[in-house]
């Protein structure tokens, strides 16, 4: 599911999650590394095709990991 908002925020969820907003926000989470609670919310927003809910999830993610993150492998 892809959502674009008037303020430039873009959310793309197709297993992996990408959140961008110009040069301010750039977050990527590979499919197997998205926490279960976030994945559940993403899946629910996708099922209902609700970009409002998708935005809420994107805000939760950026509040948790910050505006710049690339999560694609386990940290030791």
N, C-alpha and C. Protein backbone atom coordinates (compact mmCIF):
# COMPACT_ATOMS: atom_id res chain seq x y z
N UNK A 1 0.86 -1.18 0.00
CA UNK A 1 0.00 0.00 0.00
C UNK A 1 0.89 1.23 0.00
N UNK A 2 0.52 2.19 -0.80
CA UNK A 2 1.28 3.43 -0.89
C UNK A 2 0.36 4.59 -0.59
N UNK A 3 0.81 5.46 0.31
CA UNK A 3 0.04 6.65 0.66
C UNK A 3 0.94 7.88 0.52
N UNK A 4 0.40 8.93 -0.08
CA UNK A 4 1.10 10.20 -0.21
C UNK A 4 0.20 11.29 0.38
N UNK A 5 0.82 12.20 1.12
CA UNK A 5 0.07 13.23 1.84
C UNK A 5 0.47 14.62 1.35
N UNK A 6 -0.39 15.59 1.56
CA UNK A 6 -0.17 16.95 1.07
C UNK A 6 1.10 17.60 1.62
N UNK A 7 1.54 17.18 2.79
CA UNK A 7 2.74 17.77 3.39
C UNK A 7 4.03 17.12 2.88
N UNK A 8 3.93 16.19 1.92
CA UNK A 8 5.12 15.56 1.34
C UNK A 8 5.46 14.21 1.93
N UNK A 9 4.78 13.81 2.99
CA UNK A 9 5.03 12.50 3.60
C UNK A 9 4.58 11.41 2.63
N UNK A 10 5.41 10.37 2.50
CA UNK A 10 5.08 9.22 1.67
C UNK A 10 5.34 7.96 2.49
N UNK A 11 4.38 7.04 2.46
CA UNK A 11 4.51 5.77 3.17
C UNK A 11 4.26 4.67 2.16
N UNK A 12 5.19 3.73 2.09
CA UNK A 12 5.06 2.60 1.18
C UNK A 12 5.26 1.32 2.00
N UNK A 13 4.22 0.50 2.05
CA UNK A 13 4.28 -0.76 2.80
C UNK A 13 3.89 -1.90 1.87
N UNK A 14 4.86 -2.76 1.61
CA UNK A 14 4.62 -3.94 0.77
C UNK A 14 5.41 -5.10 1.35
N UNK A 15 5.25 -5.31 2.64
CA UNK A 15 6.09 -6.27 3.36
C UNK A 15 7.18 -5.52 4.09
N UNK A 16 8.01 -4.81 3.35
CA UNK A 16 8.96 -3.87 3.94
C UNK A 16 8.27 -2.51 4.04
N UNK A 17 8.81 -1.64 4.87
CA UNK A 17 8.20 -0.33 5.11
C UNK A 17 9.19 0.77 4.77
N UNK A 18 8.73 1.74 3.98
CA UNK A 18 9.54 2.91 3.68
C UNK A 18 8.72 4.15 3.97
N UNK A 19 9.31 5.07 4.74
CA UNK A 19 8.67 6.33 5.08
C UNK A 19 9.62 7.45 4.67
N UNK A 20 9.14 8.39 3.86
CA UNK A 20 9.98 9.51 3.44
C UNK A 20 9.19 10.81 3.52
N UNK A 21 9.93 11.88 3.72
CA UNK A 21 9.36 13.23 3.65
C UNK A 21 10.49 14.17 3.31
N UNK A 22 10.67 14.42 2.02
CA UNK A 22 11.76 15.28 1.56
C UNK A 22 13.09 14.82 2.14
N UNK A 23 13.86 15.77 2.64
CA UNK A 23 15.14 15.42 3.27
C UNK A 23 15.00 15.28 4.79
N UNK A 24 13.78 15.48 5.31
CA UNK A 24 13.55 15.44 6.75
C UNK A 24 13.43 14.02 7.31
N UNK A 25 12.80 13.13 6.54
CA UNK A 25 12.50 11.79 7.04
C UNK A 25 12.90 10.77 5.99
N UNK A 26 13.63 9.74 6.43
CA UNK A 26 13.97 8.63 5.55
C UNK A 26 14.13 7.39 6.43
N UNK A 27 13.10 6.57 6.48
CA UNK A 27 13.10 5.37 7.32
C UNK A 27 12.79 4.16 6.44
N UNK A 28 13.59 3.12 6.60
CA UNK A 28 13.35 1.86 5.89
C UNK A 28 13.45 0.72 6.90
N UNK A 29 12.45 -0.14 6.90
CA UNK A 29 12.47 -1.33 7.75
C UNK A 29 12.19 -2.54 6.87
N UNK A 30 13.14 -3.45 6.81
CA UNK A 30 12.96 -4.67 6.02
C UNK A 30 11.88 -5.54 6.65
N UNK A 31 11.19 -6.29 5.81
CA UNK A 31 10.02 -7.06 6.22
C UNK A 31 10.21 -7.85 7.51
N UNK A 32 11.25 -8.61 7.63
CA UNK A 32 11.44 -9.47 8.80
C UNK A 32 11.86 -8.74 10.07
N UNK A 33 12.07 -7.43 9.99
CA UNK A 33 12.59 -6.67 11.12
C UNK A 33 11.58 -5.67 11.68
N UNK A 34 10.36 -5.69 11.17
CA UNK A 34 9.31 -4.81 11.68
C UNK A 34 8.72 -5.45 12.93
N UNK A 35 8.70 -4.75 14.06
CA UNK A 35 8.12 -5.32 15.29
C UNK A 35 6.67 -5.76 15.05
N UNK A 36 6.27 -6.82 15.73
CA UNK A 36 4.94 -7.43 15.52
C UNK A 36 3.81 -6.43 15.71
N UNK A 37 3.89 -5.58 16.74
CA UNK A 37 2.80 -4.63 16.98
C UNK A 37 2.67 -3.62 15.84
N UNK A 38 3.79 -3.18 15.30
CA UNK A 38 3.77 -2.25 14.17
C UNK A 38 3.26 -2.96 12.92
N UNK A 39 3.74 -4.17 12.68
CA UNK A 39 3.31 -4.95 11.51
C UNK A 39 1.80 -5.18 11.55
N UNK A 40 1.27 -5.47 12.73
CA UNK A 40 -0.18 -5.67 12.87
C UNK A 40 -0.95 -4.41 12.49
N UNK A 41 -0.46 -3.26 12.93
CA UNK A 41 -1.12 -1.99 12.59
C UNK A 41 -1.02 -1.69 11.10
N UNK A 42 0.14 -1.98 10.51
CA UNK A 42 0.32 -1.79 9.07
C UNK A 42 -0.63 -2.68 8.28
N UNK A 43 -0.72 -3.94 8.70
CA UNK A 43 -1.61 -4.88 8.02
C UNK A 43 -3.07 -4.45 8.13
N UNK A 44 -3.47 -3.95 9.31
CA UNK A 44 -4.85 -3.49 9.50
C UNK A 44 -5.14 -2.29 8.60
N UNK A 45 -4.21 -1.34 8.52
CA UNK A 45 -4.40 -0.17 7.66
C UNK A 45 -4.49 -0.60 6.20
N UNK A 46 -3.69 -1.59 5.82
CA UNK A 46 -3.72 -2.08 4.44
C UNK A 46 -5.04 -2.77 4.14
N UNK A 47 -5.50 -3.61 5.07
CA UNK A 47 -6.78 -4.31 4.86
C UNK A 47 -7.94 -3.33 4.68
N UNK A 48 -7.93 -2.26 5.46
CA UNK A 48 -9.02 -1.28 5.38
C UNK A 48 -8.74 -0.19 4.34
N UNK A 49 -7.54 -0.26 3.72
CA UNK A 49 -7.14 0.72 2.70
C UNK A 49 -7.28 2.15 3.25
N UNK A 50 -6.75 2.36 4.46
CA UNK A 50 -6.93 3.61 5.18
C UNK A 50 -5.60 4.35 5.33
N UNK A 51 -5.40 5.38 4.52
CA UNK A 51 -4.16 6.15 4.59
C UNK A 51 -4.07 6.97 5.88
N UNK A 52 -5.20 7.28 6.51
CA UNK A 52 -5.17 7.97 7.80
C UNK A 52 -4.53 7.09 8.86
N UNK A 53 -4.93 5.81 8.89
CA UNK A 53 -4.31 4.87 9.83
C UNK A 53 -2.85 4.63 9.49
N UNK A 54 -2.53 4.58 8.19
CA UNK A 54 -1.14 4.37 7.77
C UNK A 54 -0.27 5.52 8.25
N UNK A 55 -0.79 6.73 8.22
CA UNK A 55 -0.03 7.88 8.70
C UNK A 55 0.24 7.77 10.20
N UNK A 56 -0.77 7.34 10.95
CA UNK A 56 -0.58 7.16 12.39
C UNK A 56 0.53 6.15 12.68
N UNK A 57 0.56 5.07 11.92
CA UNK A 57 1.62 4.06 12.10
C UNK A 57 2.97 4.68 11.76
N UNK A 58 3.04 5.44 10.68
CA UNK A 58 4.29 6.08 10.28
C UNK A 58 4.79 7.02 11.38
N UNK A 59 3.88 7.75 12.00
CA UNK A 59 4.26 8.65 13.10
C UNK A 59 4.78 7.86 14.29
N UNK A 60 4.16 6.73 14.60
CA UNK A 60 4.62 5.87 15.69
C UNK A 60 6.03 5.36 15.39
N UNK A 61 6.25 4.93 14.16
CA UNK A 61 7.57 4.41 13.77
C UNK A 61 8.63 5.49 13.91
N UNK A 62 8.38 6.69 13.38
CA UNK A 62 9.40 7.73 13.45
C UNK A 62 9.62 8.22 14.88
N UNK A 63 8.59 8.18 15.72
CA UNK A 63 8.77 8.52 17.13
C UNK A 63 9.63 7.47 17.83
N UNK A 64 9.56 6.23 17.37
CA UNK A 64 10.29 5.13 18.00
C UNK A 64 11.74 5.05 17.51
N UNK A 65 11.95 5.11 16.19
CA UNK A 65 13.30 4.90 15.64
C UNK A 65 13.97 6.18 15.18
N UNK A 66 13.22 7.27 15.15
CA UNK A 66 13.77 8.54 14.68
C UNK A 66 13.43 8.79 13.22
N UNK A 67 13.87 9.95 12.72
CA UNK A 67 13.55 10.35 11.35
C UNK A 67 14.44 9.71 10.30
N UNK A 68 15.54 9.12 10.74
CA UNK A 68 16.46 8.47 9.80
C UNK A 68 16.87 7.12 10.37
N UNK A 69 16.46 6.08 9.68
CA UNK A 69 16.82 4.73 10.14
C UNK A 69 16.74 3.77 8.97
N UNK A 70 17.64 2.81 8.98
CA UNK A 70 17.62 1.73 7.99
C UNK A 70 17.79 0.44 8.79
N UNK A 71 16.70 -0.28 8.95
CA UNK A 71 16.70 -1.47 9.79
C UNK A 71 16.51 -2.67 8.88
N UNK A 72 17.63 -3.38 8.65
CA UNK A 72 17.58 -4.49 7.70
C UNK A 72 18.43 -5.68 8.12
N UNK A 73 19.08 -5.59 9.27
CA UNK A 73 19.85 -6.72 9.76
C UNK A 73 19.91 -6.68 11.28
N UNK A 74 20.16 -7.82 11.86
CA UNK A 74 20.23 -7.91 13.33
C UNK A 74 21.48 -7.23 13.83
N UNK A 75 21.34 -6.48 14.89
CA UNK A 75 22.47 -5.84 15.55
C UNK A 75 23.02 -6.78 16.61
N UNK A 76 24.33 -6.87 16.73
CA UNK A 76 24.95 -7.73 17.74
C UNK A 76 25.39 -6.92 18.93
